[in-house]
All heavy atoms as atom14 arrays in JSON, in Angstrom:
{
  "sequence": "PTRRLILDELVEKSGQTLFEICSRLSMKHRLGISR",
  "atom14_mask": [
    [1, 1, 1, 1, 1, 1, 1, 0, 0, 0, 0, 0, 0, 0],
    [1, 1, 1, 1, 1, 1, 1, 0, 0, 0, 0, 0, 0, 0],
    [1, 1, 1, 1, 1, 1, 1, 1, 1, 1, 1, 0, 0, 0],
    [1, 1, 1, 1, 1, 1, 1, 1, 1, 1, 1, 0, 0, 0],
    [1, 1, 1, 1, 1, 1, 1, 1, 0, 0, 0, 0, 0, 0],
    [1, 1, 1, 1, 1, 1, 1, 1, 0, 0, 0, 0, 0, 0],
    [1, 1, 1, 1, 1, 1, 1, 1, 0, 0, 0, 0, 0, 0],
    [1, 1, 1, 1, 1, 1, 1, 1, 0, 0, 0, 0, 0, 0],
    [1, 1, 1, 1, 1, 1, 1, 1, 1, 0, 0, 0, 0, 0],
    [1, 1, 1, 1, 1, 1, 1, 1, 0, 0, 0, 0, 0, 0],
    [1, 1, 1, 1, 1, 1, 1, 0, 0, 0, 0, 0, 0, 0],
    [1, 1, 1, 1, 1, 1, 1, 1, 1, 0, 0, 0, 0, 0],
    [1, 1, 1, 1, 1, 1, 1, 1, 1, 0, 0, 0, 0, 0],
    [1, 1, 1, 1, 1, 1, 0, 0, 0, 0, 0, 0, 0, 0],
    [1, 1, 1, 1, 0, 0, 0, 0, 0, 0, 0, 0, 0, 0],
    [1, 1, 1, 1, 1, 1, 1, 1, 1, 0, 0, 0, 0, 0],
    [1, 1, 1, 1, 1, 1, 1, 0, 0, 0, 0, 0, 0, 0],
    [1, 1, 1, 1, 1, 1, 1, 1, 0, 0, 0, 0, 0, 0],
    [1, 1, 1, 1, 1, 1, 1, 1, 1, 1, 1, 0, 0, 0],
    [1, 1, 1, 1, 1, 1, 1, 1, 1, 0, 0, 0, 0, 0],
    [1, 1, 1, 1, 1, 1, 1, 1, 0, 0, 0, 0, 0, 0],
    [1, 1, 1, 1, 1, 1, 0, 0, 0, 0, 0, 0, 0, 0],
    [1, 1, 1, 1, 1, 1, 0, 0, 0, 0, 0, 0, 0, 0],
    [1, 1, 1, 1, 1, 1, 1, 1, 1, 1, 1, 0, 0, 0],
    [1, 1, 1, 1, 1, 1, 1, 1, 0, 0, 0, 0, 0, 0],
    [1, 1, 1, 1, 1, 1, 0, 0, 0, 0, 0, 0, 0, 0],
    [1, 1, 1, 1, 1, 1, 1, 1, 0, 0, 0, 0, 0, 0],
    [1, 1, 1, 1, 1, 1, 1, 1, 1, 0, 0, 0, 0, 0],
    [1, 1, 1, 1, 1, 1, 1, 1, 1, 1, 0, 0, 0, 0],
    [1, 1, 1, 1, 1, 1, 1, 1, 1, 1, 1, 0, 0, 0],
    [1, 1, 1, 1, 1, 1, 1, 1, 0, 0, 0, 0, 0, 0],
    [1, 1, 1, 1, 0, 0, 0, 0, 0, 0, 0, 0, 0, 0],
    [1, 1, 1, 1, 1, 1, 1, 1, 0, 0, 0, 0, 0, 0],
    [1, 1, 1, 1, 1, 1, 0, 0, 0, 0, 0, 0, 0, 0],
    [1, 1, 1, 1, 1, 1, 1, 1, 1, 1, 1, 0, 0, 0]
  ],
  "atom14_positions": [
    [[-38.28, -3.38, -7.21], [-37.57, -2.22, -6.84], [-36.26, -2.07, -7.63], [-35.82, -0.97, -8.01], [-37.29, -2.25, -5.34], [-37.68, -3.6, -4.98], [-38.52, -4.27, -5.96], [0.0, 0.0, 0.0], [0.0, 0.0, 0.0], [0.0, 0.0, 0.0], [0.0, 0.0, 0.0], [0.0, 0.0, 0.0], [0.0, 0.0, 0.0], [0.0, 0.0, 0.0]],
    [[-35.5, -3.15, -7.83], [-34.23, -3.18, -8.6], [-34.58, -2.69, -10.04], [-33.79, -1.9, -10.57], [-33.59, -4.53, -8.55], [-33.27, -4.9, -7.25], [-32.25, -4.42, -9.3], [0.0, 0.0, 0.0], [0.0, 0.0, 0.0], [0.0, 0.0, 0.0], [0.0, 0.0, 0.0], [0.0, 0.0, 0.0], [0.0, 0.0, 0.0], [0.0, 0.0, 0.0]],
    [[-35.53, -3.19, -10.64], [-35.98, -2.74, -12.08], [-36.26, -1.27, -12.0], [-35.85, -0.65, -12.92], [-36.97, -3.61, -12.64], [-36.55, -5.04, -12.9], [-37.48, -5.83, -13.82], [-38.53, -6.41, -13.0], [-38.57, -7.53, -12.51], [-37.51, -8.39, -12.57], [-39.71, -7.94, -11.92], [0.0, 0.0, 0.0], [0.0, 0.0, 0.0], [0.0, 0.0, 0.0]],
    [[-36.93, -0.73, -11.02], [-37.19, 0.73, -11.0], [-35.84, 1.5, -10.81], [-35.83, 2.61, -11.41], [-38.23, 0.91, -9.89], [-39.61, 0.41, -10.1], [-40.7, 0.91, -9.07], [-40.32, 0.65, -7.73], [-40.76, -0.35, -7.09], [-41.52, -1.21, -7.62], [-40.51, -0.54, -5.73], [0.0, 0.0, 0.0], [0.0, 0.0, 0.0], [0.0, 0.0, 0.0]],
    [[-34.94, 0.96, -10.08], [-33.66, 1.64, -9.96], [-32.93, 1.68, -11.31], [-32.39, 2.75, -11.67], [-32.83, 1.01, -8.96], [-33.05, 1.31, -7.44], [-32.16, 0.5, -6.57], [-32.95, 2.69, -7.07], [0.0, 0.0, 0.0], [0.0, 0.0, 0.0], [0.0, 0.0, 0.0], [0.0, 0.0, 0.0], [0.0, 0.0, 0.0], [0.0, 0.0, 0.0]],
    [[-33.03, 0.6, -12.13], [-32.33, 0.55, -13.45], [-33.13, 1.67, -14.3], [-32.35, 2.4, -15.04], [-32.47, -0.87, -14.03], [-31.61, -1.76, -13.21], [-32.21, -0.85, -15.59], [-31.78, -3.3, -13.66], [0.0, 0.0, 0.0], [0.0, 0.0, 0.0], [0.0, 0.0, 0.0], [0.0, 0.0, 0.0], [0.0, 0.0, 0.0], [0.0, 0.0, 0.0]],
    [[-34.42, 1.73, -14.24], [-35.17, 2.72, -15.08], [-34.74, 4.19, -14.57], [-34.41, 5.02, -15.43], [-36.66, 2.5, -14.92], [-37.16, 1.38, -15.48], [-38.67, 1.1, -15.21], [-37.01, 1.25, -17.07], [0.0, 0.0, 0.0], [0.0, 0.0, 0.0], [0.0, 0.0, 0.0], [0.0, 0.0, 0.0], [0.0, 0.0, 0.0], [0.0, 0.0, 0.0]],
    [[-34.48, 4.36, -13.3], [-34.1, 5.68, -12.82], [-32.69, 5.98, -13.39], [-32.5, 7.07, -13.78], [-34.02, 5.57, -11.31], [-35.45, 5.63, -10.52], [-36.45, 5.94, -11.22], [-35.43, 5.25, -9.38], [0.0, 0.0, 0.0], [0.0, 0.0, 0.0], [0.0, 0.0, 0.0], [0.0, 0.0, 0.0], [0.0, 0.0, 0.0], [0.0, 0.0, 0.0]],
    [[-31.8, 5.03, -13.42], [-30.51, 5.26, -13.95], [-30.5, 5.56, -15.39], [-29.87, 6.34, -15.9], [-29.62, 4.19, -13.71], [-29.32, 3.96, -12.2], [-28.64, 5.17, -11.66], [-27.79, 5.75, -12.19], [-29.04, 5.58, -10.51], [0.0, 0.0, 0.0], [0.0, 0.0, 0.0], [0.0, 0.0, 0.0], [0.0, 0.0, 0.0], [0.0, 0.0, 0.0]],
    [[-31.4, 4.9, -16.25], [-31.53, 5.15, -17.54], [-32.28, 6.58, -17.89], [-31.93, 7.16, -18.91], [-32.38, 4.05, -18.29], [-31.53, 2.77, -18.42], [-32.49, 1.67, -18.97], [-30.21, 2.88, -19.23], [0.0, 0.0, 0.0], [0.0, 0.0, 0.0], [0.0, 0.0, 0.0], [0.0, 0.0, 0.0], [0.0, 0.0, 0.0], [0.0, 0.0, 0.0]],
    [[-32.96, 6.99, -16.99], [-33.55, 8.43, -17.03], [-32.37, 9.41, -16.91], [-32.27, 10.32, -17.69], [-34.58, 8.7, -16.01], [-34.98, 10.2, -15.84], [-35.86, 7.84, -16.29], [0.0, 0.0, 0.0], [0.0, 0.0, 0.0], [0.0, 0.0, 0.0], [0.0, 0.0, 0.0], [0.0, 0.0, 0.0], [0.0, 0.0, 0.0], [0.0, 0.0, 0.0]],
    [[-31.52, 9.14, -15.88], [-30.38, 10.11, -15.77], [-29.39, 10.05, -16.91], [-28.94, 11.04, -17.36], [-29.61, 9.71, -14.42], [-30.36, 10.18, -13.21], [-29.38, 10.15, -12.04], [-28.11, 10.22, -12.16], [-29.92, 9.89, -10.94], [0.0, 0.0, 0.0], [0.0, 0.0, 0.0], [0.0, 0.0, 0.0], [0.0, 0.0, 0.0], [0.0, 0.0, 0.0]],
    [[-29.15, 8.79, -17.46], [-28.24, 8.73, -18.6], [-28.66, 7.61, -19.45], [-28.51, 6.36, -19.2], [-26.81, 8.49, -18.02], [-25.81, 8.37, -19.22], [-24.37, 8.16, -18.6], [-23.34, 8.13, -19.69], [-23.07, 6.7, -20.2], [0.0, 0.0, 0.0], [0.0, 0.0, 0.0], [0.0, 0.0, 0.0], [0.0, 0.0, 0.0], [0.0, 0.0, 0.0]],
    [[-29.18, 7.95, -20.58], [-29.62, 6.92, -21.6], [-28.52, 6.3, -22.31], [-27.45, 6.95, -22.4], [-30.72, 7.44, -22.48], [-31.35, 6.43, -23.14], [0.0, 0.0, 0.0], [0.0, 0.0, 0.0], [0.0, 0.0, 0.0], [0.0, 0.0, 0.0], [0.0, 0.0, 0.0], [0.0, 0.0, 0.0], [0.0, 0.0, 0.0], [0.0, 0.0, 0.0]],
    [[-28.75, 5.24, -22.91], [-27.56, 4.63, -23.75], [-26.53, 3.95, -22.94], [-25.34, 4.01, -23.37], [0.0, 0.0, 0.0], [0.0, 0.0, 0.0], [0.0, 0.0, 0.0], [0.0, 0.0, 0.0], [0.0, 0.0, 0.0], [0.0, 0.0, 0.0], [0.0, 0.0, 0.0], [0.0, 0.0, 0.0], [0.0, 0.0, 0.0], [0.0, 0.0, 0.0]],
    [[-26.72, 3.41, -21.79], [-25.75, 2.8, -21.02], [-25.59, 1.41, -21.31], [-26.42, 0.64, -21.79], [-26.08, 2.9, -19.46], [-26.21, 4.21, -18.91], [-26.41, 4.21, -17.47], [-25.62, 3.51, -16.66], [-27.49, 4.87, -16.99], [0.0, 0.0, 0.0], [0.0, 0.0, 0.0], [0.0, 0.0, 0.0], [0.0, 0.0, 0.0], [0.0, 0.0, 0.0]],
    [[-24.36, 0.9, -21.16], [-23.93, -0.61, -21.34], [-24.28, -1.32, -20.02], [-24.45, -0.59, -19.01], [-22.43, -0.74, -21.66], [-21.69, -0.32, -20.5], [-22.04, -0.06, -22.93], [0.0, 0.0, 0.0], [0.0, 0.0, 0.0], [0.0, 0.0, 0.0], [0.0, 0.0, 0.0], [0.0, 0.0, 0.0], [0.0, 0.0, 0.0], [0.0, 0.0, 0.0]],
    [[-24.26, -2.64, -20.18], [-24.47, -3.47, -18.98], [-23.44, -3.03, -17.83], [-23.78, -2.92, -16.72], [-24.41, -4.89, -19.26], [-24.62, -5.92, -18.19], [-25.86, -5.75, -17.55], [-24.37, -7.38, -18.62], [0.0, 0.0, 0.0], [0.0, 0.0, 0.0], [0.0, 0.0, 0.0], [0.0, 0.0, 0.0], [0.0, 0.0, 0.0], [0.0, 0.0, 0.0]],
    [[-22.19, -2.91, -18.15], [-21.1, -2.61, -17.27], [-21.54, -1.22, -16.57], [-21.33, -1.12, -15.38], [-19.82, -2.5, -18.0], [-18.76, -2.04, -17.06], [-18.1, -3.01, -16.27], [-18.16, -0.71, -17.19], [-17.08, -2.52, -15.34], [-17.17, -0.33, -16.29], [-16.6, -1.31, -15.39], [0.0, 0.0, 0.0], [0.0, 0.0, 0.0], [0.0, 0.0, 0.0]],
    [[-21.86, -0.22, -17.27], [-22.22, 1.0, -16.71], [-23.33, 0.9, -15.76], [-23.23, 1.5, -14.67], [-22.63, 2.13, -17.83], [-21.48, 2.43, -18.74], [-21.82, 3.4, -19.85], [-22.62, 3.0, -20.67], [-21.4, 4.59, -19.77], [0.0, 0.0, 0.0], [0.0, 0.0, 0.0], [0.0, 0.0, 0.0], [0.0, 0.0, 0.0], [0.0, 0.0, 0.0]],
    [[-24.43, 0.18, -16.22], [-25.59, 0.04, -15.25], [-25.07, -0.62, -13.96], [-25.5, -0.16, -12.86], [-26.72, -0.75, -16.01], [-27.2, 0.15, -17.17], [-27.8, -1.0, -15.07], [-28.15, -0.6, -18.08], [0.0, 0.0, 0.0], [0.0, 0.0, 0.0], [0.0, 0.0, 0.0], [0.0, 0.0, 0.0], [0.0, 0.0, 0.0], [0.0, 0.0, 0.0]],
    [[-24.38, -1.7, -14.14], [-23.92, -2.46, -12.9], [-23.04, -1.47, -12.06], [-23.2, -1.63, -10.9], [-23.04, -3.64, -13.31], [-24.08, -4.98, -14.07], [0.0, 0.0, 0.0], [0.0, 0.0, 0.0], [0.0, 0.0, 0.0], [0.0, 0.0, 0.0], [0.0, 0.0, 0.0], [0.0, 0.0, 0.0], [0.0, 0.0, 0.0], [0.0, 0.0, 0.0]],
    [[-22.17, -0.73, -12.61], [-21.36, 0.12, -11.8], [-22.17, 1.08, -11.09], [-21.88, 1.36, -9.96], [-20.35, 0.92, -12.72], [-19.52, -0.14, -13.36], [0.0, 0.0, 0.0], [0.0, 0.0, 0.0], [0.0, 0.0, 0.0], [0.0, 0.0, 0.0], [0.0, 0.0, 0.0], [0.0, 0.0, 0.0], [0.0, 0.0, 0.0], [0.0, 0.0, 0.0]],
    [[-23.19, 1.74, -11.74], [-23.95, 2.78, -11.16], [-24.73, 2.19, -9.95], [-24.98, 2.77, -9.0], [-24.86, 3.52, -12.22], [-23.93, 4.34, -13.18], [-24.87, 4.79, -14.22], [-25.85, 5.88, -13.82], [-25.69, 7.13, -13.99], [-24.71, 7.6, -14.73], [-26.6, 8.07, -13.54], [0.0, 0.0, 0.0], [0.0, 0.0, 0.0], [0.0, 0.0, 0.0]],
    [[-25.35, 0.96, -10.26], [-26.19, 0.34, -9.13], [-25.26, 0.04, -8.01], [-25.71, 0.1, -6.81], [-26.86, -0.95, -9.71], [-27.89, -0.76, -10.64], [-28.41, -2.13, -11.21], [-29.02, 0.04, -10.14], [0.0, 0.0, 0.0], [0.0, 0.0, 0.0], [0.0, 0.0, 0.0], [0.0, 0.0, 0.0], [0.0, 0.0, 0.0], [0.0, 0.0, 0.0]],
    [[-24.03, -0.41, -8.23], [-23.11, -0.68, -7.21], [-22.61, 0.46, -6.38], [-22.68, 0.59, -5.12], [-22.0, -1.44, -7.73], [-20.96, -1.69, -6.74], [0.0, 0.0, 0.0], [0.0, 0.0, 0.0], [0.0, 0.0, 0.0], [0.0, 0.0, 0.0], [0.0, 0.0, 0.0], [0.0, 0.0, 0.0], [0.0, 0.0, 0.0], [0.0, 0.0, 0.0]],
    [[-22.2, 1.51, -7.02], [-21.57, 2.7, -6.47], [-22.66, 3.59, -5.93], [-22.47, 4.06, -4.67], [-20.8, 3.5, -7.5], [-19.75, 2.61, -8.19], [-18.04, 2.6, -7.49], [-17.69, 4.31, -7.58], [0.0, 0.0, 0.0], [0.0, 0.0, 0.0], [0.0, 0.0, 0.0], [0.0, 0.0, 0.0], [0.0, 0.0, 0.0], [0.0, 0.0, 0.0]],
    [[-23.69, 3.8, -6.56], [-24.64, 4.86, -6.18], [-25.72, 4.24, -5.28], [-26.18, 5.01, -4.34], [-25.36, 5.43, -7.49], [-26.19, 6.62, -7.32], [-26.61, 7.08, -8.59], [-27.51, 8.26, -8.51], [-28.08, 8.66, -9.85], [0.0, 0.0, 0.0], [0.0, 0.0, 0.0], [0.0, 0.0, 0.0], [0.0, 0.0, 0.0], [0.0, 0.0, 0.0]],
    [[-26.14, 3.01, -5.4], [-27.2, 2.44, -4.62], [-26.78, 1.33, -3.78], [-27.57, 0.74, -2.96], [-28.24, 1.98, -5.53], [-28.88, 3.01, -6.47], [-29.76, 3.94, -6.05], [-28.65, 3.24, -7.76], [-30.09, 4.79, -7.03], [-29.42, 4.42, -8.04], [0.0, 0.0, 0.0], [0.0, 0.0, 0.0], [0.0, 0.0, 0.0], [0.0, 0.0, 0.0]],
    [[-25.49, 1.0, -3.78], [-24.95, -0.09, -2.95], [-25.52, -1.35, -3.19], [-25.71, -2.11, -2.19], [-24.94, 0.4, -1.38], [-24.28, 1.73, -1.06], [-22.81, 1.49, -1.12], [-22.09, 2.75, -0.59], [-21.21, 3.34, -1.26], [-20.77, 2.93, -2.43], [-20.62, 4.44, -0.82], [0.0, 0.0, 0.0], [0.0, 0.0, 0.0], [0.0, 0.0, 0.0]],
    [[-25.9, -1.62, -4.3], [-26.54, -2.94, -4.72], [-25.39, -3.93, -5.08], [-24.66, -3.78, -5.94], [-27.54, -2.83, -5.78], [-28.9, -2.34, -5.55], [-29.67, -2.3, -6.73], [-29.55, -3.12, -4.44], [0.0, 0.0, 0.0], [0.0, 0.0, 0.0], [0.0, 0.0, 0.0], [0.0, 0.0, 0.0], [0.0, 0.0, 0.0], [0.0, 0.0, 0.0]],
    [[-25.43, -5.05, -4.35], [-24.55, -6.11, -4.64], [-25.15, -7.09, -5.54], [-25.52, -8.24, -5.07], [0.0, 0.0, 0.0], [0.0, 0.0, 0.0], [0.0, 0.0, 0.0], [0.0, 0.0, 0.0], [0.0, 0.0, 0.0], [0.0, 0.0, 0.0], [0.0, 0.0, 0.0], [0.0, 0.0, 0.0], [0.0, 0.0, 0.0], [0.0, 0.0, 0.0]],
    [[-25.35, -6.79, -6.83], [-26.1, -7.59, -7.79], [-25.0, -8.03, -8.82], [-24.28, -7.21, -9.32], [-27.32, -7.1, -8.21], [-28.11, -8.0, -9.15], [-27.04, -5.67, -8.89], [-29.55, -7.47, -9.45], [0.0, 0.0, 0.0], [0.0, 0.0, 0.0], [0.0, 0.0, 0.0], [0.0, 0.0, 0.0], [0.0, 0.0, 0.0], [0.0, 0.0, 0.0]],
    [[-25.13, -9.27, -9.24], [-24.21, -9.73, -10.41], [-24.6, -9.22, -11.8], [-25.75, -8.71, -11.92], [-24.22, -11.28, -10.49], [-25.57, -11.65, -10.89], [0.0, 0.0, 0.0], [0.0, 0.0, 0.0], [0.0, 0.0, 0.0], [0.0, 0.0, 0.0], [0.0, 0.0, 0.0], [0.0, 0.0, 0.0], [0.0, 0.0, 0.0], [0.0, 0.0, 0.0]],
    [[-23.69, -9.24, -12.69], [-23.98, -8.84, -14.0], [-25.02, -9.59, -14.64], [-25.98, -9.01, -15.33], [-22.67, -8.8, -14.98], [-21.69, -7.89, -14.63], [-20.43, -8.1, -15.34], [-20.61, -8.19, -16.75], [-20.35, -7.3, -17.69], [-19.85, -6.22, -17.35], [-20.52, -7.55, -18.93], [0.0, 0.0, 0.0], [0.0, 0.0, 0.0], [0.0, 0.0, 0.0]]
  ]
}
């Protein structure tokens, strides 16, 4: 499910850095996952 969320985020905005992906997962999905 976490990988599917990452794909969902890349659908919304392609070309993200690791920092951006981590931020979106944390803020939008409340995932407490490390970089």
